[in-house]
Each structure stands twice: as structure tokens, then as C-alpha cells.
Amino acid sequence: MNAGKVRVAFICTHNACRSQIAEAVARMRASDVIEPYSAGTDPLAAPNPDALRLLAKGGIDVSMLRSKALDEIPRPDIVVTMGCGVSCPALPCQHREDWGLDDPTGKEDAAYDACIDAIARNVDDLADRIRAADGWDHDRPDVSALRALADETRLTVVRALAHEEELCACKLLDRLHVSQSTLSHHMKVLVDAGLVHQRRDGRWMHYRIDADRLVALGESVTALGRGGHASNGDNI
């Protein structure tokens, strides 16, 4: 990676259309400040051929595009979801946003062109904000993770999970003495921050801590006390 560039991951479910367009457009329009990647939670075998065709028609290089899973890309500084809601879980990052784009898959060329134009505008806006932030510290703490831990209930959950390989939501309810809706809210915050992983088994969700993530967060916070500087992620 070139020094000073911000790693931006464009995420959607299949990594076939919108996220691929965003990766290609960002590489063309903002390569001075953005190192773009794209991935999907359930990637298809290959990118959407209509998206590739219309990108190429517009003079945008598509030679580097391929469908990828989340674990095939480096950890990003910024995550941009394309508008597919809960199907796009947040990766650990220092800033995230959703662009709320309609999927043009299966529609006429005009829909693809409109999507490409909207993504180009959003990429330009993001690049301008990154330039205005005047630098990026890739080792600074993840603000979203710190915020997730700034709550006594969530800290209690993290402590409990740190001593167990996995806990069912039913066990957490017994320990915390909160309603199921309250627990669901707190667990969503922890999952979205990348601190906790979840899986469903029958009626109940089961949770486990991401120990490596916690260690990395602790190291980045410790580095601040050794002369590091505060995050500028909120300025993006």
C-alpha cells in the first residue's frame, strides 16, 4: 500500500455489481488518496457482466475486478456499504457509511449508468473529505469499537464472553437481567463494531468474542499513551 492512502472497502452482498463499480470508479477517480477494495458477504463467482461492459464503455479499467469474500481483503480504514441493509455486516474499521444505492442488476443500461454516476459523485465526495482530513493514521483506535465499549452493560457482556468460548443469548439474559430487546440492541452494537461474532442455532443467537480484535484495540489505545494522537475518523 502507498503511504498516506486510506483503505476503503466497498461492501455488498454478492460483490457483483455496485461494490465492483465503486472499486473501479474509486481507483480511477481517487487513487491519490484511496486504496479501494470490494467484497461481499456471499460473493458470486464473477462480477456482473453488464456492469463490467458499461464501466469499460465509459473508459474505466475493469481488468482488476473479481468477486471476493470479506476475508480476502485487508482490514479497511473505511467501510462503505451499498444500501443492502442487514445483509451487509460492518467490518471493523475507523469510519463507516452507507450509500443507499439501488441495485441495477437485471435492469436496462440506463439504470447501470445512473448507478455509476451516483457512485462517481459519492466517491468524489468521500475523496474530498479524506483530503480535508489531512492525513490518516492507520494504527489509531477504532472509534466505533471504543464507543461500543463505553457502556457498562456491553462491558459486562464482553467480560462474560472473554471467559467463555461461546454464550447463548438466553444465558446472557439470565446474567444481565435485561429484556430481550435490550440485549439485542447491545449485541448489535458489539457485532457491528466487530468485537463479537454471532450465529443462530434454532431459536437463540449464540455469541463469541473476537479476542484478536480486542487485543489489537488495546494495543492501539496503549500506543496513544506513548505519544500517538487522537483519531480523526469523525472528521471524515
C-alpha atoms as a PDB file:
ATOM      1  CA  MET A   1       0.000   0.000   0.000  1.00  0.00           C
ATOM      2  CA  ASN A   2       1.224   3.515  -0.782  1.00  0.00           C
ATOM      3  CA  ALA A   3       1.841   5.614   2.318  1.00  0.00           C
ATOM      4  CA  GLY A   4      -0.894   8.077   3.112  1.00  0.00           C
ATOM      5  CA  LYS A   5      -3.646   6.317   1.229  1.00  0.00           C
ATOM      6  CA  VAL A   6      -6.818   5.277   3.006  1.00  0.00           C
ATOM      7  CA  ARG A   7      -8.013   1.707   2.617  1.00  0.00           C
ATOM      8  CA  VAL A   8     -11.675   1.840   1.600  1.00  0.00           C
ATOM      9  CA  ALA A   9     -13.752  -1.345   1.352  1.00  0.00           C
ATOM     10  CA  PHE A  10     -16.949  -1.218  -0.681  1.00  0.00           C
ATOM     11  CA  ILE A  11     -19.226  -3.974   0.597  1.00  0.00           C
ATOM     12  CA  CYS A  12     -22.439  -5.555  -0.639  1.00  0.00           C
ATOM     13  CA  THR A  13     -23.956  -9.000  -0.506  1.00  0.00           C
ATOM     14  CA  HIS A  14     -22.721 -10.580  -3.751  1.00  0.00           C
ATOM     15  CA  ASN A  15     -19.795  -8.286  -4.688  1.00  0.00           C
ATOM     16  CA  ALA A  16     -21.071  -8.443  -8.234  1.00  0.00           C
ATOM     17  CA  CYS A  17     -22.371  -5.015  -9.195  1.00  0.00           C
ATOM     18  CA  ARG A  18     -22.474  -1.879  -7.022  1.00  0.00           C
ATOM     19  CA  SER A  19     -19.417  -2.645  -4.912  1.00  0.00           C
ATOM     20  CA  GLN A  20     -17.441  -3.631  -8.006  1.00  0.00           C
ATOM     21  CA  ILE A  21     -18.445  -0.387  -9.719  1.00  0.00           C
ATOM     22  CA  ALA A  22     -17.356   1.572  -6.647  1.00  0.00           C
ATOM     23  CA  GLU A  23     -13.966  -0.150  -6.524  1.00  0.00           C
ATOM     24  CA  ALA A  24     -13.300   0.575 -10.188  1.00  0.00           C
ATOM     25  CA  VAL A  25     -14.534   4.166 -10.034  1.00  0.00           C
ATOM     26  CA  ALA A  26     -12.530   4.914  -6.883  1.00  0.00           C
ATOM     27  CA  ARG A  27      -9.385   3.505  -8.459  1.00  0.00           C
ATOM     28  CA  MET A  28      -9.857   5.776 -11.457  1.00  0.00           C
ATOM     29  CA  ARG A  29     -11.033   8.973  -9.753  1.00  0.00           C
ATOM     30  CA  ALA A  30      -9.395   8.992  -6.326  1.00  0.00           C
ATOM     31  CA  SER A  31      -6.240   6.873  -6.479  1.00  0.00           C
ATOM     32  CA  ASP A  32      -4.245   9.689  -4.875  1.00  0.00           C
ATOM     33  CA  VAL A  33      -5.988   9.189  -1.515  1.00  0.00           C
ATOM     34  CA  ILE A  34      -7.984   5.934  -1.721  1.00  0.00           C
ATOM     35  CA  GLU A  35      -6.752   2.367  -1.948  1.00  0.00           C
ATOM     36  CA  PRO A  36     -10.021   0.681  -2.971  1.00  0.00           C
ATOM     37  CA  TYR A  37     -11.220  -2.843  -2.322  1.00  0.00           C
ATOM     38  CA  SER A  38     -14.574  -4.538  -2.676  1.00  0.00           C
ATOM     39  CA  ALA A  39     -16.028  -7.717  -1.200  1.00  0.00           C
ATOM     40  CA  GLY A  40     -19.296  -9.472  -0.450  1.00  0.00           C
ATOM     41  CA  THR A  41     -20.832 -11.438   2.379  1.00  0.00           C
ATOM     42  CA  ASP A  42     -21.979 -14.051  -0.155  1.00  0.00           C
ATOM     43  CA  PRO A  43     -19.934 -13.347  -3.294  1.00  0.00           C
ATOM     44  CA  LEU A  44     -20.928 -14.683  -6.682  1.00  0.00           C
ATOM     45  CA  ALA A  45     -18.446 -16.424  -8.945  1.00  0.00           C
ATOM     46  CA  ALA A  46     -17.825 -13.340 -11.078  1.00  0.00           C
ATOM     47  CA  PRO A  47     -18.786  -9.666 -11.379  1.00  0.00           C
ATOM     48  CA  ASN A  48     -21.953  -8.653 -13.217  1.00  0.00           C
ATOM     49  CA  PRO A  49     -21.103  -8.663 -16.970  1.00  0.00           C
ATOM     50  CA  ASP A  50     -23.395  -5.703 -17.682  1.00  0.00           C
ATOM     51  CA  ALA A  51     -21.644  -3.655 -15.015  1.00  0.00           C
ATOM     52  CA  LEU A  52     -18.263  -4.556 -16.500  1.00  0.00           C
ATOM     53  CA  ARG A  53     -19.454  -3.750 -20.007  1.00  0.00           C
ATOM     54  CA  LEU A  54     -20.784  -0.319 -19.118  1.00  0.00           C
ATOM     55  CA  LEU A  55     -17.776   0.564 -16.986  1.00  0.00           C
ATOM     56  CA  ALA A  56     -15.483  -0.329 -19.868  1.00  0.00           C
ATOM     57  CA  LYS A  57     -17.675   1.636 -22.261  1.00  0.00           C
ATOM     58  CA  GLY A  58     -17.098   4.669 -20.051  1.00  0.00           C
ATOM     59  CA  GLY A  59     -13.346   4.211 -20.165  1.00  0.00           C
ATOM     60  CA  ILE A  60     -12.999   2.701 -16.683  1.00  0.00           C
ATOM     61  CA  ASP A  61     -10.487  -0.114 -16.268  1.00  0.00           C
ATOM     62  CA  VAL A  62     -12.138  -3.366 -15.146  1.00  0.00           C
ATOM     63  CA  SER A  63      -9.137  -5.664 -15.503  1.00  0.00           C
ATOM     64  CA  MET A  64      -8.566  -5.915 -11.733  1.00  0.00           C
ATOM     65  CA  LEU A  65     -12.165  -6.670 -10.773  1.00  0.00           C
ATOM     66  CA  ARG A  66     -13.073 -10.070  -9.361  1.00  0.00           C
ATOM     67  CA  SER A  67     -15.579 -11.242  -6.779  1.00  0.00           C
ATOM     68  CA  LYS A  68     -14.136 -11.593  -3.273  1.00  0.00           C
ATOM     69  CA  ALA A  69     -15.237 -12.632   0.191  1.00  0.00           C
ATOM     70  CA  LEU A  70     -14.743 -10.382   3.230  1.00  0.00           C
ATOM     71  CA  ASP A  71     -11.718 -12.343   4.423  1.00  0.00           C
ATOM     72  CA  GLU A  72      -9.910 -11.822   1.111  1.00  0.00           C
ATOM     73  CA  ILE A  73      -9.308  -8.108   1.568  1.00  0.00           C
ATOM     74  CA  PRO A  74      -7.046  -6.224   4.010  1.00  0.00           C
ATOM     75  CA  ARG A  75      -8.566  -4.651   7.071  1.00  0.00           C
ATOM     76  CA  PRO A  76     -10.049  -1.349   5.874  1.00  0.00           C
ATOM     77  CA  ASP A  77      -9.892   2.115   7.376  1.00  0.00           C
ATOM     78  CA  ILE A  78     -13.309   2.978   5.918  1.00  0.00           C
ATOM     79  CA  VAL A  79     -16.210   0.671   5.075  1.00  0.00           C
ATOM     80  CA  VAL A  80     -18.874   1.793   2.622  1.00  0.00           C
ATOM     81  CA  THR A  81     -21.969  -0.379   2.269  1.00  0.00           C
ATOM     82  CA  MET A  82     -24.013  -0.029  -0.863  1.00  0.00           C
ATOM     83  CA  GLY A  83     -27.516   0.000   0.555  1.00  0.00           C
ATOM     84  CA  CYS A  84     -28.362  -3.664   1.113  1.00  0.00           C
ATOM     85  CA  GLY A  85     -29.116  -3.191   4.803  1.00  0.00           C
ATOM     86  CA  VAL A  86     -28.670  -6.057   7.220  1.00  0.00           C
ATOM     87  CA  SER A  87     -27.174  -8.269   4.514  1.00  0.00           C
ATOM     88  CA  CYS A  88     -24.017  -6.162   4.738  1.00  0.00           C
ATOM     89  CA  PRO A  89     -22.470  -6.528   8.196  1.00  0.00           C
ATOM     90  CA  ALA A  90     -19.989  -3.878   9.248  1.00  0.00           C
ATOM     91  CA  LEU A  91     -16.324  -4.821   9.134  1.00  0.00           C
ATOM     92  CA  PRO A  92     -14.045  -3.498  11.852  1.00  0.00           C
ATOM     93  CA  CYS A  93     -12.952  -0.061  10.669  1.00  0.00           C
ATOM     94  CA  GLN A  94     -12.461   3.517  11.785  1.00  0.00           C
ATOM     95  CA  HIS A  95     -15.334   5.024   9.813  1.00  0.00           C
ATOM     96  CA  ARG A  96     -18.333   3.573   8.012  1.00  0.00           C
ATOM     97  CA  GLU A  97     -21.184   4.879   5.926  1.00  0.00           C
ATOM     98  CA  ASP A  98     -23.974   3.556   3.728  1.00  0.00           C
ATOM     99  CA  TRP A  99     -24.665   5.000   0.285  1.00  0.00           C
ATOM    100  CA  GLY A 100     -28.197   3.611  -0.105  1.00  0.00           C
ATOM    101  CA  LEU A 101     -27.867   2.757  -3.792  1.00  0.00           C
ATOM    102  CA  ASP A 102     -30.481   0.854  -5.769  1.00  0.00           C
ATOM    103  CA  ASP A 103     -29.182  -2.346  -7.357  1.00  0.00           C
ATOM    104  CA  PRO A 104     -29.395  -2.073 -11.174  1.00  0.00           C
ATOM    105  CA  THR A 105     -28.961  -5.823 -11.706  1.00  0.00           C
ATOM    106  CA  GLY A 106     -31.402  -7.125 -14.298  1.00  0.00           C
ATOM    107  CA  LYS A 107     -32.460  -3.632 -15.406  1.00  0.00           C
ATOM    108  CA  GLU A 108     -31.769  -1.637 -18.542  1.00  0.00           C
ATOM    109  CA  ASP A 109     -28.466   0.078 -19.259  1.00  0.00           C
ATOM    110  CA  ALA A 110     -29.854   3.408 -18.089  1.00  0.00           C
ATOM    111  CA  ALA A 111     -30.142   2.037 -14.549  1.00  0.00           C
ATOM    112  CA  TYR A 112     -26.494   0.977 -14.589  1.00  0.00           C
ATOM    113  CA  ASP A 113     -25.422   4.359 -15.945  1.00  0.00           C
ATOM    114  CA  ALA A 114     -27.383   6.125 -13.201  1.00  0.00           C
ATOM    115  CA  CYS A 115     -25.751   3.889 -10.573  1.00  0.00           C
ATOM    116  CA  ILE A 116     -22.268   4.564 -11.980  1.00  0.00           C
ATOM    117  CA  ASP A 117     -22.923   8.313 -11.962  1.00  0.00           C
ATOM    118  CA  ALA A 118     -24.202   8.233  -8.368  1.00  0.00           C
ATOM    119  CA  ILE A 119     -21.183   6.231  -7.234  1.00  0.00           C
ATOM    120  CA  ALA A 120     -18.831   8.648  -9.003  1.00  0.00           C
ATOM    121  CA  ARG A 121     -20.388  11.574  -7.127  1.00  0.00           C
ATOM    122  CA  ASN A 122     -20.128   9.733  -3.817  1.00  0.00           C
ATOM    123  CA  VAL A 123     -16.519   8.722  -4.476  1.00  0.00           C
ATOM    124  CA  ASP A 124     -15.616  12.323  -5.258  1.00  0.00           C
ATOM    125  CA  ASP A 125     -17.296  13.484  -2.049  1.00  0.00           C
ATOM    126  CA  LEU A 126     -15.538  10.836   0.058  1.00  0.00           C
ATOM    127  CA  ALA A 127     -12.171  11.625  -1.508  1.00  0.00           C
ATOM    128  CA  ASP A 128     -12.663  15.343  -0.809  1.00  0.00           C
ATOM    129  CA  ARG A 129     -13.441  14.575   2.836  1.00  0.00           C
ATOM    130  CA  ILE A 130     -10.357  12.393   3.142  1.00  0.00           C
ATOM    131  CA  ARG A 131      -8.172  15.130   1.642  1.00  0.00           C
ATOM    132  CA  ALA A 132      -9.689  17.662   4.028  1.00  0.00           C
ATOM    133  CA  ALA A 133      -8.885  15.391   6.993  1.00  0.00           C
ATOM    134  CA  ASP A 134      -5.185  15.995   6.222  1.00  0.00           C
ATOM    135  CA  GLY A 135      -3.710  12.587   6.812  1.00  0.00           C
ATOM    136  CA  TRP A 136      -4.734   9.212   8.185  1.00  0.00           C
ATOM    137  CA  ASP A 137      -3.235   7.182  10.974  1.00  0.00           C
ATOM    138  CA  HIS A 138      -3.825   3.510  10.161  1.00  0.00           C
ATOM    139  CA  ASP A 139      -2.891   2.468  13.705  1.00  0.00           C
ATOM    140  CA  ARG A 140      -5.268   4.720  15.595  1.00  0.00           C
ATOM    141  CA  PRO A 141      -8.004   3.120  17.691  1.00  0.00           C
ATOM    142  CA  ASP A 142     -11.289   2.165  16.078  1.00  0.00           C
ATOM    143  CA  VAL A 143     -13.709   4.841  17.280  1.00  0.00           C
ATOM    144  CA  SER A 144     -16.756   2.627  16.739  1.00  0.00           C
ATOM    145  CA  ALA A 145     -15.250  -0.100  18.924  1.00  0.00           C
ATOM    146  CA  LEU A 146     -14.404   2.368  21.678  1.00  0.00           C
ATOM    147  CA  ARG A 147     -17.945   3.711  21.588  1.00  0.00           C
ATOM    148  CA  ALA A 148     -19.307   0.175  21.748  1.00  0.00           C
ATOM    149  CA  LEU A 149     -17.357  -0.404  24.960  1.00  0.00           C
ATOM    150  CA  ALA A 150     -18.458   2.892  26.531  1.00  0.00           C
ATOM    151  CA  ASP A 151     -21.428   1.232  28.220  1.00  0.00           C
ATOM    152  CA  GLU A 152     -21.443  -0.790  31.413  1.00  0.00           C
ATOM    153  CA  THR A 153     -23.876  -3.421  30.089  1.00  0.00           C
ATOM    154  CA  ARG A 154     -21.770  -4.036  26.984  1.00  0.00           C
ATOM    155  CA  LEU A 155     -18.614  -4.180  29.079  1.00  0.00           C
ATOM    156  CA  THR A 156     -20.285  -6.812  31.235  1.00  0.00           C
ATOM    157  CA  VAL A 157     -21.122  -8.812  28.106  1.00  0.00           C
ATOM    158  CA  VAL A 158     -17.539  -8.586  26.864  1.00  0.00           C
ATOM    159  CA  ARG A 159     -16.193  -9.702  30.242  1.00  0.00           C
ATOM    160  CA  ALA A 160     -18.578 -12.670  30.260  1.00  0.00           C
ATOM    161  CA  LEU A 161     -17.677 -13.697  26.718  1.00  0.00           C
ATOM    162  CA  ALA A 162     -13.970 -13.351  27.450  1.00  0.00           C
ATOM    163  CA  HIS A 163     -14.283 -16.236  29.905  1.00  0.00           C
ATOM    164  CA  GLU A 164     -16.441 -18.471  27.713  1.00  0.00           C
ATOM    165  CA  GLU A 165     -15.879 -19.975  24.276  1.00  0.00           C
ATOM    166  CA  GLU A 166     -19.457 -19.067  23.367  1.00  0.00           C
ATOM    167  CA  LEU A 167     -22.607 -17.947  25.162  1.00  0.00           C
ATOM    168  CA  CYS A 168     -26.239 -18.281  24.201  1.00  0.00           C
ATOM    169  CA  ALA A 169     -28.400 -15.177  24.386  1.00  0.00           C
ATOM    170  CA  CYS A 170     -30.538 -16.998  26.944  1.00  0.00           C
ATOM    171  CA  LYS A 171     -27.544 -17.246  29.307  1.00  0.00           C
ATOM    172  CA  LEU A 172     -26.748 -13.558  28.837  1.00  0.00           C
ATOM    173  CA  LEU A 173     -30.352 -12.653  29.633  1.00  0.00           C
ATOM    174  CA  ASP A 174     -30.096 -14.567  32.911  1.00  0.00           C
ATOM    175  CA  ARG A 175     -26.855 -12.819  33.839  1.00  0.00           C
ATOM    176  CA  LEU A 176     -27.819  -9.290  32.857  1.00  0.00           C
ATOM    177  CA  HIS A 177     -31.471  -9.254  33.967  1.00  0.00           C
ATOM    178  CA  VAL A 178     -32.491  -7.158  30.939  1.00  0.00           C
ATOM    179  CA  SER A 179     -35.216  -7.584  28.344  1.00  0.00           C
ATOM    180  CA  GLN A 180     -34.543  -9.485  25.144  1.00  0.00           C
ATOM    181  CA  SER A 181     -34.955  -6.307  23.084  1.00  0.00           C
ATOM    182  CA  THR A 182     -32.391  -4.500  25.255  1.00  0.00           C
ATOM    183  CA  LEU A 183     -29.924  -7.362  24.903  1.00  0.00           C
ATOM    184  CA  SER A 184     -30.474  -7.458  21.131  1.00  0.00           C
ATOM    185  CA  HIS A 185     -29.664  -3.756  20.920  1.00  0.00           C
ATOM    186  CA  HIS A 186     -26.431  -4.113  22.879  1.00  0.00           C
ATOM    187  CA  MET A 187     -25.331  -7.189  20.956  1.00  0.00           C
ATOM    188  CA  LYS A 188     -25.956  -5.474  17.621  1.00  0.00           C
ATOM    189  CA  VAL A 189     -23.652  -2.629  18.700  1.00  0.00           C
ATOM    190  CA  LEU A 190     -20.919  -5.099  19.644  1.00  0.00           C
ATOM    191  CA  VAL A 191     -21.342  -7.157  16.475  1.00  0.00           C
ATOM    192  CA  ASP A 192     -21.355  -4.077  14.235  1.00  0.00           C
ATOM    193  CA  ALA A 193     -18.145  -2.897  15.904  1.00  0.00           C
ATOM    194  CA  GLY A 194     -16.513  -6.228  15.086  1.00  0.00           C
ATOM    195  CA  LEU A 195     -15.933  -7.133  18.733  1.00  0.00           C
ATOM    196  CA  VAL A 196     -18.373 -10.053  18.830  1.00  0.00           C
ATOM    197  CA  HIS A 197     -19.392 -12.721  16.319  1.00  0.00           C
ATOM    198  CA  GLN A 198     -22.836 -14.275  16.251  1.00  0.00           C
ATOM    199  CA  ARG A 199     -24.535 -17.356  14.877  1.00  0.00           C
ATOM    200  CA  ARG A 200     -28.091 -18.624  15.111  1.00  0.00           C
ATOM    201  CA  ASP A 201     -28.819 -22.068  16.487  1.00  0.00           C
ATOM    202  CA  GLY A 202     -32.536 -22.746  16.455  1.00  0.00           C
ATOM    203  CA  ARG A 203     -34.404 -20.069  18.396  1.00  0.00           C
ATOM    204  CA  TRP A 204     -31.379 -18.445  20.005  1.00  0.00           C
ATOM    205  CA  MET A 205     -28.404 -16.406  18.870  1.00  0.00           C
ATOM    206  CA  HIS A 206     -25.013 -17.526  20.159  1.00  0.00           C
ATOM    207  CA  TYR A 207     -22.122 -15.106  20.658  1.00  0.00           C
ATOM    208  CA  ARG A 208     -18.351 -15.327  20.933  1.00  0.00           C
ATOM    209  CA  ILE A 209     -15.721 -12.679  21.453  1.00  0.00           C
ATOM    210  CA  ASP A 210     -13.156 -11.719  18.812  1.00  0.00           C
ATOM    211  CA  ALA A 211     -10.112 -11.926  21.070  1.00  0.00           C
ATOM    212  CA  ASP A 212      -7.661 -10.773  18.390  1.00  0.00           C
ATOM    213  CA  ARG A 213      -9.807  -7.718  17.775  1.00  0.00           C
ATOM    214  CA  LEU A 214      -9.824  -6.820  21.468  1.00  0.00           C
ATOM    215  CA  VAL A 215      -6.055  -7.252  21.700  1.00  0.00           C
ATOM    216  CA  ALA A 216      -5.491  -5.035  18.665  1.00  0.00           C
ATOM    217  CA  LEU A 217      -7.811  -2.389  20.095  1.00  0.00           C
ATOM    218  CA  GLY A 218      -5.970  -2.468  23.405  1.00  0.00           C
ATOM    219  CA  GLU A 219      -2.610  -2.107  21.678  1.00  0.00           C
ATOM    220  CA  SER A 220      -3.794   0.879  19.647  1.00  0.00           C
ATOM    221  CA  VAL A 221      -5.127   2.593  22.780  1.00  0.00           C
ATOM    222  CA  THR A 222      -1.872   1.897  24.608  1.00  0.00           C
ATOM    223  CA  ALA A 223       0.028   3.460  21.706  1.00  0.00           C
ATOM    224  CA  LEU A 224      -1.803   6.729  22.343  1.00  0.00           C
ATOM    225  CA  GLY A 225      -0.150   6.934  25.740  1.00  0.00           C
ATOM    226  CA  ARG A 226       3.237   6.593  24.111  1.00  0.00           C
ATOM    227  CA  GLY A 227       2.858   9.716  22.041  1.00  0.00           C
ATOM    228  CA  GLY A 228       0.199   8.729  19.496  1.00  0.00           C
ATOM    229  CA  HIS A 229      -2.510  11.183  18.516  1.00  0.00           C
ATOM    230  CA  ALA A 230      -6.270  11.080  18.709  1.00  0.00           C
ATOM    231  CA  SER A 231      -8.419   9.694  15.924  1.00  0.00           C
ATOM    232  CA  ASN A 232      -9.586  11.978  13.173  1.00  0.00           C
ATOM    233  CA  GLY A 233     -12.105   9.437  11.933  1.00  0.00           C
ATOM    234  CA  ASP A 234     -15.044  11.596  12.950  1.00  0.00           C
ATOM    235  CA  ASN A 235     -13.827  14.298  10.575  1.00  0.00           C
ATOM    236  CA  ILE A 236     -14.387  12.117   7.521  1.00  0.00           C
END
